[in-house]
Protein backbone atom coordinates (compact mmCIF):
# COMPACT_ATOMS: atom_id res chain seq x y z
CA MET A 1 -11.20 10.60 -9.67
CA ARG A 2 -7.33 10.07 -8.22
CA GLN A 3 -6.80 13.39 -7.66
CA ARG A 4 -10.49 13.79 -5.79
CA LEU A 5 -9.69 11.10 -3.62
CA ALA A 6 -6.24 11.32 -2.73
CA PHE A 7 -6.98 12.49 0.67
CA VAL A 8 -9.06 9.73 1.43
CA PRO A 9 -6.97 6.80 0.04
CA LEU A 10 -9.44 3.88 0.65
CA ALA A 11 -12.23 5.45 -1.42
CA LEU A 12 -10.87 4.31 -4.76
CA PHE A 13 -11.61 0.55 -3.42
CA LEU A 14 -14.92 1.82 -2.52
CA LEU A 15 -16.03 3.44 -6.32
CA VAL A 16 -14.75 0.78 -8.59
CA GLY A 17 -16.18 -2.09 -6.50
CA ALA A 18 -13.41 -3.97 -5.43
CA GLY A 19 -12.12 -5.56 -2.74
CA MET A 20 -9.38 -4.45 -0.15
CA PHE A 21 -7.18 -7.74 -0.20
CA PRO A 22 -7.42 -9.13 -3.71
CA VAL A 23 -5.73 -12.32 -4.45
CA LEU A 24 -3.09 -10.42 -7.04
CA SER A 25 -1.68 -7.19 -7.23
CA ALA A 26 -3.47 -4.18 -8.92
CA GLN A 27 -0.33 -3.65 -10.54
CA GLN A 28 0.41 -6.70 -11.90
CA PRO A 29 -1.01 -4.95 -14.16
CA GLU A 30 -4.17 -3.17 -12.55
CA GLN A 31 -6.53 -5.63 -10.85
CA ALA A 32 -4.88 -8.67 -9.49
CA PRO A 33 -4.56 -12.20 -10.21
CA PRO A 34 -6.72 -19.95 -16.14
CA THR A 35 -5.92 -23.64 -17.87
CA SER A 36 -7.02 -26.16 -15.32
CA PRO A 37 -7.22 -30.02 -14.99
CA GLU A 38 -10.67 -30.36 -15.67
CA ALA A 39 -11.11 -33.29 -12.66
CA GLU A 40 -11.39 -32.14 -9.24
CA GLN A 41 -9.37 -33.79 -6.32
CA ALA A 42 -11.22 -35.41 -3.53
CA ALA A 43 -10.79 -33.86 -0.18
CA PRO A 44 -9.91 -36.16 2.78
CA GLN A 45 -12.00 -36.70 5.54
CA SER A 46 -12.17 -33.54 8.06
CA PRO A 47 -8.96 -32.45 9.56
CA GLN A 48 -9.12 -34.53 12.57
CA GLN A 49 -9.30 -37.74 10.70
CA ALA A 50 -7.19 -36.40 7.63
CA ALA A 51 -4.38 -39.24 6.95
CA PRO A 52 -1.10 -38.23 6.36
CA GLN A 53 0.01 -36.38 3.11
CA GLU A 54 1.19 -38.12 0.20
CA PRO A 55 4.60 -37.24 -1.15
CA GLN A 56 3.68 -34.64 -3.52
CA PRO A 57 4.45 -34.68 -7.34
CA ALA A 58 7.46 -32.04 -8.80
CA ALA A 59 5.54 -28.44 -9.15
CA PRO A 60 6.75 -26.34 -11.99
CA GLN A 61 9.40 -24.30 -11.49
CA GLY A 62 8.79 -20.90 -11.20
CA TYR A 63 6.17 -18.62 -12.94
CA THR A 64 6.03 -19.98 -16.89
CA LEU A 65 4.36 -18.98 -20.09
CA PRO A 66 4.75 -20.27 -23.53
CA PRO A 67 6.38 -17.72 -25.82
CA GLU A 68 3.62 -15.66 -27.53
CA LYS A 69 1.44 -15.45 -24.06
CA TYR A 70 5.39 -14.50 -22.46
CA GLU A 71 5.30 -11.44 -24.97
CA LYS A 72 2.01 -10.56 -24.54
CA ALA A 73 2.22 -10.51 -20.67
CA VAL A 74 5.78 -8.61 -20.73
CA ALA A 75 3.48 -5.83 -23.45
CA TYR A 76 0.63 -5.50 -21.43
CA SER A 77 3.02 -5.13 -17.76
CA ARG A 78 5.01 -2.24 -19.43
CA ALA A 79 1.76 -0.32 -21.33
CA SER A 80 0.32 -0.92 -17.70
CA TYR A 81 3.42 0.78 -15.91
CA ARG A 82 3.91 3.14 -18.32
CA LEU A 83 -0.21 4.29 -18.00
CA TYR A 84 0.35 4.53 -14.53
CA PHE A 85 2.98 6.79 -14.13
CA ILE A 86 1.84 8.92 -17.70
CA ASP A 87 -1.69 8.85 -15.29
CA PHE A 88 0.10 10.66 -12.30
CA ALA A 89 1.64 13.14 -14.55
CA TYR A 90 -1.17 14.06 -16.36
CA GLY A 91 -3.45 14.34 -13.21
CA LEU A 92 -0.97 16.88 -11.91
CA LEU A 93 -0.66 18.85 -15.34
CA ILE A 94 -4.97 19.29 -15.14
CA LEU A 95 -4.41 20.46 -11.58
CA LEU A 96 -1.96 22.97 -12.99
CA VAL A 97 -4.06 23.93 -15.60
CA VAL A 98 -7.13 24.12 -13.32
CA LEU A 99 -5.29 26.44 -11.15
CA GLY A 100 -3.30 28.54 -14.28
CA LEU A 101 -6.51 29.06 -15.87
CA ARG A 102 -8.40 30.04 -12.88
CA TRP A 103 -11.08 27.91 -13.27
CA ALA A 104 -11.55 27.22 -9.34
CA PRO A 105 -11.85 30.91 -8.83
CA LYS A 106 -14.72 31.10 -11.24
CA PHE A 107 -16.41 28.15 -9.84
CA ARG A 108 -15.94 29.77 -5.81
CA ASP A 109 -17.49 33.20 -7.72
CA TRP A 110 -20.47 31.25 -9.06
CA ALA A 111 -21.01 29.43 -5.81
CA GLU A 112 -20.65 32.32 -3.65
CA ARG A 113 -23.29 34.10 -6.12
CA ALA A 114 -25.60 31.06 -6.01
CA SER A 115 -25.78 31.40 -1.78
CA GLY A 116 -24.30 32.55 1.19
CA ARG A 117 -24.68 29.24 3.06
CA ARG A 118 -21.58 27.26 2.87
CA PHE A 119 -22.49 23.66 2.45
CA VAL A 120 -24.65 25.42 -0.61
CA GLN A 121 -21.99 26.53 -2.19
CA ALA A 122 -20.32 23.42 -1.89
CA LEU A 123 -23.00 21.74 -3.50
CA VAL A 124 -22.34 24.01 -6.55
CA PHE A 125 -18.08 24.15 -6.15
CA VAL A 126 -17.42 20.42 -5.37
CA PRO A 127 -19.55 18.99 -9.06
CA LEU A 128 -18.43 21.52 -11.04
CA LEU A 129 -14.78 21.36 -10.25
CA PHE A 130 -14.40 17.65 -10.18
CA LEU A 131 -16.57 17.07 -13.04
CA ALA A 132 -13.95 19.25 -14.88
CA THR A 133 -10.71 17.34 -13.92
CA ASP A 134 -12.61 13.66 -13.97
CA LEU A 135 -14.14 15.08 -18.18
CA LEU A 136 -10.01 16.10 -18.84
CA GLY A 137 -8.98 12.97 -17.04
CA LEU A 138 -11.45 10.61 -19.47
CA PRO A 139 -8.26 10.01 -21.84
CA THR A 140 -6.46 7.65 -19.57
CA SER A 141 -9.51 6.19 -18.06
CA ILE A 142 -10.61 5.65 -20.95
CA TYR A 143 -7.10 4.22 -22.76
CA ARG A 144 -6.72 1.98 -19.51
CA GLN A 145 -10.21 0.32 -20.75
CA VAL A 146 -8.79 0.24 -24.18
CA LEU A 147 -5.49 -1.98 -23.08
CA ALA A 148 -8.27 -4.28 -20.78
CA LEU A 149 -9.89 -5.28 -24.38
CA ARG A 150 -6.94 -5.67 -26.49
CA TYR A 151 -5.36 -8.05 -24.30
CA GLU A 152 -8.20 -9.83 -23.13
CA GLN A 153 -8.92 -8.57 -19.56
CA SER A 154 -12.13 -7.31 -20.02
CA VAL A 155 -15.34 -7.78 -22.29
CA GLN A 156 -17.14 -4.90 -21.18
CA SER A 157 -18.77 -2.93 -23.91
CA TRP A 158 -18.47 0.88 -23.92
CA PRO A 159 -21.78 1.83 -23.26
CA SER A 160 -21.47 -0.37 -20.31
CA TRP A 161 -18.08 1.00 -19.35
CA PHE A 162 -19.26 4.63 -19.77
CA TRP A 163 -22.49 4.01 -17.71
CA ASP A 164 -20.36 2.55 -14.37
CA TRP A 165 -18.50 5.38 -14.85
CA THR A 166 -21.06 7.78 -14.75
CA LYS A 167 -21.52 5.31 -11.28
CA ALA A 168 -18.29 5.87 -9.85
CA GLU A 169 -18.68 9.79 -10.50
CA LEU A 170 -22.08 10.30 -8.96
CA ILE A 171 -21.20 8.10 -6.12
CA GLY A 172 -17.76 9.95 -5.85
CA LEU A 173 -19.86 13.50 -6.17
CA VAL A 174 -21.87 12.80 -2.99
CA ILE A 175 -18.74 11.59 -1.20
CA SER A 176 -16.78 14.58 -2.06
CA VAL A 177 -18.90 17.04 -1.24
CA ILE A 178 -19.57 16.20 2.18
CA LEU A 179 -16.07 15.60 2.74
CA ILE A 180 -14.82 18.96 1.54
CA TRP A 181 -17.59 20.75 3.11
CA ILE A 182 -16.24 19.47 6.47
CA LEU A 183 -13.09 20.28 5.11
CA TYR A 184 -13.13 24.20 4.82
CA ALA A 185 -15.66 24.47 7.77
CA VAL A 186 -12.85 23.25 10.05
CA ILE A 187 -10.11 25.13 7.72
CA ARG A 188 -11.82 28.22 8.70
CA ARG A 189 -12.77 27.52 12.67
CA SER A 190 -9.21 26.55 13.17
CA PRO A 191 -6.34 27.69 10.48
CA THR A 192 -3.77 25.88 12.73
CA ARG A 193 -5.17 22.57 13.55
CA TRP A 194 -8.19 21.94 10.72
CA TRP A 195 -5.43 18.82 9.69
CA PHE A 196 -5.86 17.32 12.71
CA TYR A 197 -9.74 18.05 13.87
CA PHE A 198 -10.19 17.24 9.99
CA TRP A 199 -8.40 13.67 10.39
CA LEU A 200 -10.63 13.23 13.27
CA SER A 201 -14.13 14.11 11.71
CA SER A 202 -13.24 12.32 8.60
CA LEU A 203 -12.23 8.40 10.13
CA PRO A 204 -16.17 7.69 10.97
CA ILE A 205 -17.33 8.53 7.23
CA ILE A 206 -14.43 6.46 5.88
CA LEU A 207 -15.06 3.61 8.39
CA LEU A 208 -18.41 4.17 7.27
CA LEU A 209 -17.98 3.77 3.64
CA ILE A 210 -15.84 0.74 3.82
CA PHE A 211 -18.93 -0.89 6.28
CA ILE A 212 -21.58 -0.12 3.39
CA ALA A 213 -19.23 -0.17 0.56
CA PRO A 214 -19.74 -4.77 0.06
CA VAL A 215 -23.52 -3.91 0.34
CA VAL A 216 -24.56 -0.86 -0.66
CA ILE A 217 -21.66 0.38 -3.42
CA GLN A 218 -20.33 -2.62 -4.84
CA PRO A 219 -23.53 -4.69 -6.07
CA LEU A 220 -24.30 -1.30 -7.98
CA PHE A 221 -21.40 -2.56 -10.66
CA PHE A 222 -21.86 -6.12 -9.82
CA LYS A 223 -24.31 -8.86 -9.17
CA PHE A 224 -23.52 -11.08 -6.07
CA GLU A 225 -24.78 -14.63 -5.13
CA PRO A 226 -24.38 -16.66 -1.52
CA LEU A 227 -21.75 -18.69 -3.10
CA ALA A 228 -23.69 -21.86 -0.85
CA LYS A 229 -26.49 -20.94 -3.78
CA THR A 230 -24.10 -21.00 -6.80
CA GLN A 231 -21.24 -23.73 -5.40
CA PRO A 232 -22.88 -25.92 -2.51
CA ALA A 233 -20.02 -28.32 -3.11
CA LEU A 234 -17.10 -25.62 -2.52
CA VAL A 235 -18.76 -24.16 0.21
CA GLU A 236 -19.23 -27.56 2.21
CA GLU A 237 -15.09 -27.80 1.63
CA VAL A 238 -14.86 -24.47 2.81
CA THR A 239 -16.11 -25.36 6.17
CA LYS A 240 -13.63 -27.75 6.85
CA VAL A 241 -10.87 -25.11 6.09
CA VAL A 242 -12.72 -23.22 8.32
CA ALA A 243 -12.66 -25.71 11.01
CA ARG A 244 -9.39 -26.67 10.40
CA GLY A 245 -8.12 -22.83 11.07
CA GLY A 246 -10.64 -22.65 14.36
CA LEU A 247 -12.70 -19.76 12.63
CA GLU A 248 -16.26 -18.93 12.56
CA ILE A 249 -16.82 -18.08 9.10
CA PRO A 250 -20.85 -18.59 7.97
CA PRO A 251 -21.44 -19.77 4.46
CA GLU A 252 -23.68 -16.09 4.43
CA ARG A 253 -20.28 -14.46 4.34
CA MET A 254 -18.91 -16.05 1.70
CA PHE A 255 -19.90 -14.78 -2.23
CA GLU A 256 -19.56 -15.03 -5.89
CA MET A 257 -19.15 -11.85 -8.24
CA LYS A 258 -20.72 -12.09 -11.47
CA ALA A 259 -17.15 -10.83 -12.66
CA SER A 260 -17.71 -12.40 -16.31
CA GLU A 261 -20.30 -9.92 -17.35
CA LYS A 262 -17.58 -7.69 -17.66
CA LEU A 263 -14.40 -9.20 -17.22
CA LYS A 264 -12.09 -11.85 -18.39
CA ALA A 265 -9.49 -11.78 -15.27
CA VAL A 266 -10.02 -13.85 -12.29
CA ASN A 267 -9.67 -12.55 -8.65
CA ALA A 268 -10.62 -13.19 -5.54
CA TYR A 269 -11.00 -10.60 -2.07
CA VAL A 270 -11.77 -10.19 1.56
CA THR A 271 -13.78 -7.03 2.14
CA GLY A 272 -15.77 -4.83 4.81
CA PHE A 273 -15.59 -5.29 8.70
CA GLY A 274 -17.79 -6.23 11.47
CA ALA A 275 -21.33 -7.62 9.96
CA SER A 276 -20.26 -6.71 6.13
CA LYS A 277 -17.05 -8.51 6.38
CA ARG A 278 -17.28 -11.08 3.69
CA VAL A 279 -15.02 -13.19 1.08
CA VAL A 280 -15.76 -12.98 -2.42
CA PHE A 281 -14.68 -15.43 -5.13
CA TRP A 282 -15.26 -13.80 -8.65
CA ASP A 283 -16.73 -16.21 -10.80
CA THR A 284 -14.00 -16.23 -13.84
CA THR A 285 -12.26 -18.11 -10.79
CA LEU A 286 -14.68 -20.73 -9.94
CA ALA A 287 -14.46 -21.34 -13.75
CA ARG A 288 -11.05 -21.84 -14.59
CA MET A 289 -9.91 -23.51 -11.16
CA THR A 290 -10.50 -27.09 -9.59
CA GLN A 291 -12.07 -27.15 -5.96
CA PRO A 292 -8.53 -27.76 -4.63
CA GLN A 293 -7.25 -24.53 -5.93
CA ALA A 294 -9.94 -22.98 -5.26
CA LEU A 295 -9.75 -24.25 -1.53
CA PHE A 296 -6.20 -22.83 -1.30
CA VAL A 297 -7.44 -18.94 -3.07
CA PHE A 298 -10.05 -19.15 -0.51
CA GLY A 299 -7.31 -20.27 2.23
CA HIS A 300 -5.09 -17.04 1.31
CA GLU A 301 -8.84 -14.96 2.08
CA MET A 302 -9.61 -16.63 5.14
CA GLY A 303 -5.97 -15.55 6.08
CA HIS A 304 -6.57 -11.75 5.87
CA TYR A 305 -9.59 -12.39 7.54
CA VAL A 306 -7.95 -14.25 10.54
CA LEU A 307 -4.50 -12.62 10.68
CA GLY A 308 -7.20 -9.19 11.17
CA HIS A 309 -5.42 -7.45 8.04
CA ILE A 310 -8.59 -5.30 7.44
CA TYR A 311 -7.82 -3.80 10.53
CA ARG A 312 -4.43 -2.99 10.29
CA ARG A 313 -4.61 -1.23 7.28
CA LEU A 314 -7.35 0.33 8.51
CA ALA A 315 -4.80 1.76 10.68
CA PHE A 316 -2.17 2.43 8.44
CA THR A 317 -4.48 4.09 6.47
CA ALA A 318 -5.63 6.35 9.26
CA ALA A 319 -2.25 6.93 10.30
CA VAL A 320 -0.89 8.06 6.53
CA LEU A 321 -3.59 10.10 5.76
CA LEU A 322 -3.02 12.11 9.11
CA LEU A 323 0.66 12.47 7.61
CA PHE A 324 -0.20 13.49 4.51
CA LEU A 325 -3.23 16.40 6.25
CA TYR A 326 -0.26 17.68 8.25
CA LEU A 327 1.98 17.95 5.51
CA GLY A 328 -0.33 19.71 3.32
CA TYR A 329 -0.90 22.41 6.05
CA ARG A 330 2.66 22.66 6.15
CA PHE A 331 3.00 22.88 2.74
CA LEU A 332 -0.65 24.58 1.43
CA GLY A 333 0.42 27.90 2.80
CA ARG A 334 4.00 28.35 1.25
CA LEU A 335 2.65 27.47 -2.37
CA LEU A 336 -0.13 30.06 -2.44
CA GLU A 337 2.13 32.52 -0.82
CA ARG A 338 3.98 31.88 -4.18
CA TRP A 339 1.46 31.45 -6.30
CA GLY A 340 -1.58 32.29 -4.96
CA GLY A 341 -1.93 35.45 -6.32
CA ARG A 342 -1.04 34.58 -9.83
CA TRP A 343 -4.33 31.82 -9.46
CA ALA A 344 -6.36 34.10 -7.97
CA VAL A 345 -6.95 32.13 -4.62
CA ARG A 346 -7.45 34.24 -1.84
CA GLY A 347 -6.01 31.91 0.80
CA VAL A 348 -5.98 28.64 2.38
CA ASP A 349 -9.63 28.98 3.56
CA ASP A 350 -11.00 29.60 0.04
CA TRP A 351 -12.56 27.38 -1.87
CA ALA A 352 -10.23 28.26 -5.22
CA SER A 353 -7.29 26.49 -3.30
CA LEU A 354 -8.55 22.95 -3.57
CA PRO A 355 -6.81 22.05 -6.99
CA ALA A 356 -3.73 23.28 -4.95
CA LEU A 357 -3.98 21.01 -1.63
CA LEU A 358 -5.03 18.04 -3.95
CA MET A 359 -2.08 18.16 -5.54
CA LEU A 360 0.06 18.37 -2.81
CA MET A 361 -1.96 15.19 -1.90
CA SER A 362 -1.22 13.27 -4.81
CA ILE A 363 2.19 14.44 -5.00
CA PHE A 364 2.73 12.69 -1.28
CA GLY A 365 0.78 9.73 -2.36
CA PHE A 366 2.75 8.97 -5.21
CA PHE A 367 6.10 9.10 -3.30
CA PHE A 368 4.37 7.30 -0.81
CA SER A 369 3.86 4.09 -2.58
CA PRO A 370 6.72 2.38 -1.79
CA VAL A 371 5.96 2.44 1.68
CA SER A 372 2.56 1.50 1.31
CA ASN A 373 3.37 -1.31 -0.89
CA SER A 374 5.98 -3.02 1.05
CA PHE A 375 3.19 -2.64 3.87
CA THR A 376 0.79 -4.72 1.67
CA ARG A 377 3.22 -6.91 0.24
CA TYR A 378 4.36 -8.32 3.87
CA HIS A 379 0.52 -8.96 4.80
CA GLU A 380 -0.55 -11.03 1.14
CA HIS A 381 3.13 -13.09 2.25
CA GLN A 382 1.34 -13.59 5.23
CA ALA A 383 -1.92 -14.69 3.67
CA ASP A 384 -0.15 -16.89 1.51
CA ILE A 385 1.95 -19.14 4.37
CA TYR A 386 -1.90 -19.04 5.83
CA GLY A 387 -3.37 -20.28 2.90
CA LEU A 388 -0.49 -22.88 2.61
CA GLU A 389 -0.91 -24.09 6.29
CA VAL A 390 -4.90 -24.27 6.44
CA ILE A 391 -5.53 -26.78 3.77
CA HIS A 392 -2.54 -28.74 5.03
CA GLY A 393 -4.17 -31.85 5.58
CA ILE A 394 -7.13 -31.41 3.52
CA VAL A 395 -6.02 -30.81 -0.06
CA PRO A 396 -3.42 -33.45 -1.20
CA ALA A 397 -0.07 -32.00 -3.05
CA THR A 398 -0.91 -28.76 -1.24
CA ASN A 399 2.31 -27.13 -2.33
CA THR A 400 1.72 -28.06 -5.83
CA THR A 401 -1.80 -27.15 -6.03
CA ALA A 402 -0.85 -23.46 -4.58
CA ALA A 403 1.59 -23.14 -7.42
CA GLU A 404 -0.85 -24.17 -10.13
CA ALA A 405 -3.63 -21.66 -8.54
CA PHE A 406 -0.92 -19.17 -8.86
CA GLN A 407 0.20 -19.93 -12.32
CA ILE A 408 -3.37 -19.82 -13.74
CA LEU A 409 -3.71 -16.30 -12.14
CA GLY A 410 -0.78 -14.57 -13.61
CA GLU A 411 -1.57 -16.86 -17.45
CA ILE A 412 -5.08 -15.45 -17.38
CA ASN A 413 -4.36 -12.00 -15.77
CA LEU A 414 -1.20 -11.54 -18.01
CA ALA A 415 1.07 -11.20 -14.55
CA ASP A 416 4.67 -9.81 -15.45
CA PRO A 417 7.21 -12.36 -15.40
CA ASN A 418 10.07 -10.47 -14.86
CA PRO A 419 9.21 -7.03 -13.62
CA SER A 420 12.06 -4.93 -12.21
CA ALA A 421 13.11 -4.47 -8.96
CA PHE A 422 12.06 -0.67 -9.49
CA ILE A 423 8.84 -1.49 -10.23
CA LYS A 424 8.17 -4.12 -7.59
CA ILE A 425 9.02 -1.64 -5.16
CA TRP A 426 7.00 1.45 -6.51
CA LEU A 427 3.69 -0.52 -7.86
CA TYR A 428 3.50 -3.95 -6.09
CA SER A 429 1.32 -4.91 -3.07
CA HIS A 430 1.92 -8.25 -3.79
CA PRO A 431 5.04 -10.20 -4.34
CA PRO A 432 5.57 -10.45 -7.77
CA LEU A 433 4.24 -13.85 -9.23
CA ASN A 434 7.21 -16.19 -9.50
CA GLU A 435 8.34 -15.27 -5.91
CA ARG A 436 4.95 -16.11 -4.84
CA ILE A 437 5.08 -19.80 -6.83
CA VAL A 438 8.71 -20.39 -5.56
CA PHE A 439 7.65 -20.19 -2.56
CA ALA A 440 4.39 -22.22 -2.79
CA GLN A 441 6.68 -24.92 -3.73
CA THR A 442 9.36 -25.03 -1.11
CA TYR A 443 7.42 -23.82 2.26
CA ASP A 444 7.04 -27.20 4.44
CA PRO A 445 7.94 -26.61 8.04
CA TRP A 446 6.24 -30.07 8.75
CA ALA A 447 9.09 -32.10 6.49
CA LYS A 448 11.53 -29.98 8.49
CA GLY A 449 9.80 -30.51 12.04
CA GLU A 450 9.17 -27.37 12.30
CA LYS A 451 6.25 -25.27 13.82
CA PRO A 452 3.92 -23.77 11.20
CA GLN A 453 3.52 -19.89 11.72
CA PHE A 454 -0.31 -19.51 12.01
CA VAL A 455 -2.01 -22.92 12.11
CA GLU A 456 -1.47 -25.57 14.23
CA GLY A 457 -2.45 -29.05 13.15
CA PRO A 458 -0.90 -32.16 10.77
């Protein structure tokens, strides 16, 4: 799956039903970031009538875990990091095997014998190629689920897991057939400008996929219910936070995802755009957090909503996609000049050149990870700031509440207590949890007489 969609990075989000902006990094380890006090703290009156904030009690100094859980978190994180690099190398090996054994030319020949129409050829070639590579890639996917079960991040049965894998395959095949048919049509019509014209033609498709994902694709993997139905008291408090930020997020844009049917991990995210934009809480998160902590999580997600991060992420991804396609154009011809004869690939416009292009795209994506993760870490830090500011004056002990929410996320998701600088730069799309907790404890522009960055008010 990773190699198939390397030239459409956002499609990975769509196929697994995850959000574009989860609360915790997808590499801490994979998917996102409890023991929480049972008694909920009462929120003050509306922002206009809120009393001055009470002195905040001492918060825990950084992200801490008891010894047994600390060792477990370190073991899980390191296993996930190793799997990330192994998965990349193994994916490249699969593509080299497909090229070396000339499977792609065989699939091409079968497709060309099936019909002279190019779309029909795509209907034959693409499923054959991707089912072959994805079946070969199953061991790493299965091991990822083994880790999730072993470290209590998942409760999903294997039949359910395989059914989700099958659904993702079917969705991926539909998307891939269309995109690759367009790709090779453009290559044949414009051998020197195909990278630009395919980029232009793929953008509307990507936007459509992101638009429909929350309402069409993600519900195929998880159940969603309106938050107003499942958590009416929380929605009432959320409206105060929304008003505090001077924004309108109607309750029908707030949902609870039934993650507990498959997962123990906790998270929340914002996804979609336009009419499909929404904030989603995992039910596991709501079950383990107090209402004030959940309000901070909402404030964080609202930050992505208000600060336009979805559209900035789309623009960034579009620019990266254009760069990758141009690099693919520059390198694919040279690669086929050197190895095309051995691989029985007739040229760039040959269906059988696709594994070579996917291999290039995977390499580009791998080495570009530090840049893309730095971009998203900046957005996540901004959302942390916004979350602290927007609940200030509504939630008592704002800094402590935020730090406790992060602590809960880390404890349940077994976030790495002390990732190395290399791991942070290469894998983390969010700041490390310890940094976020320390920042949450110490961010207080009001006490210093400074102006908040994003939300004005008490």
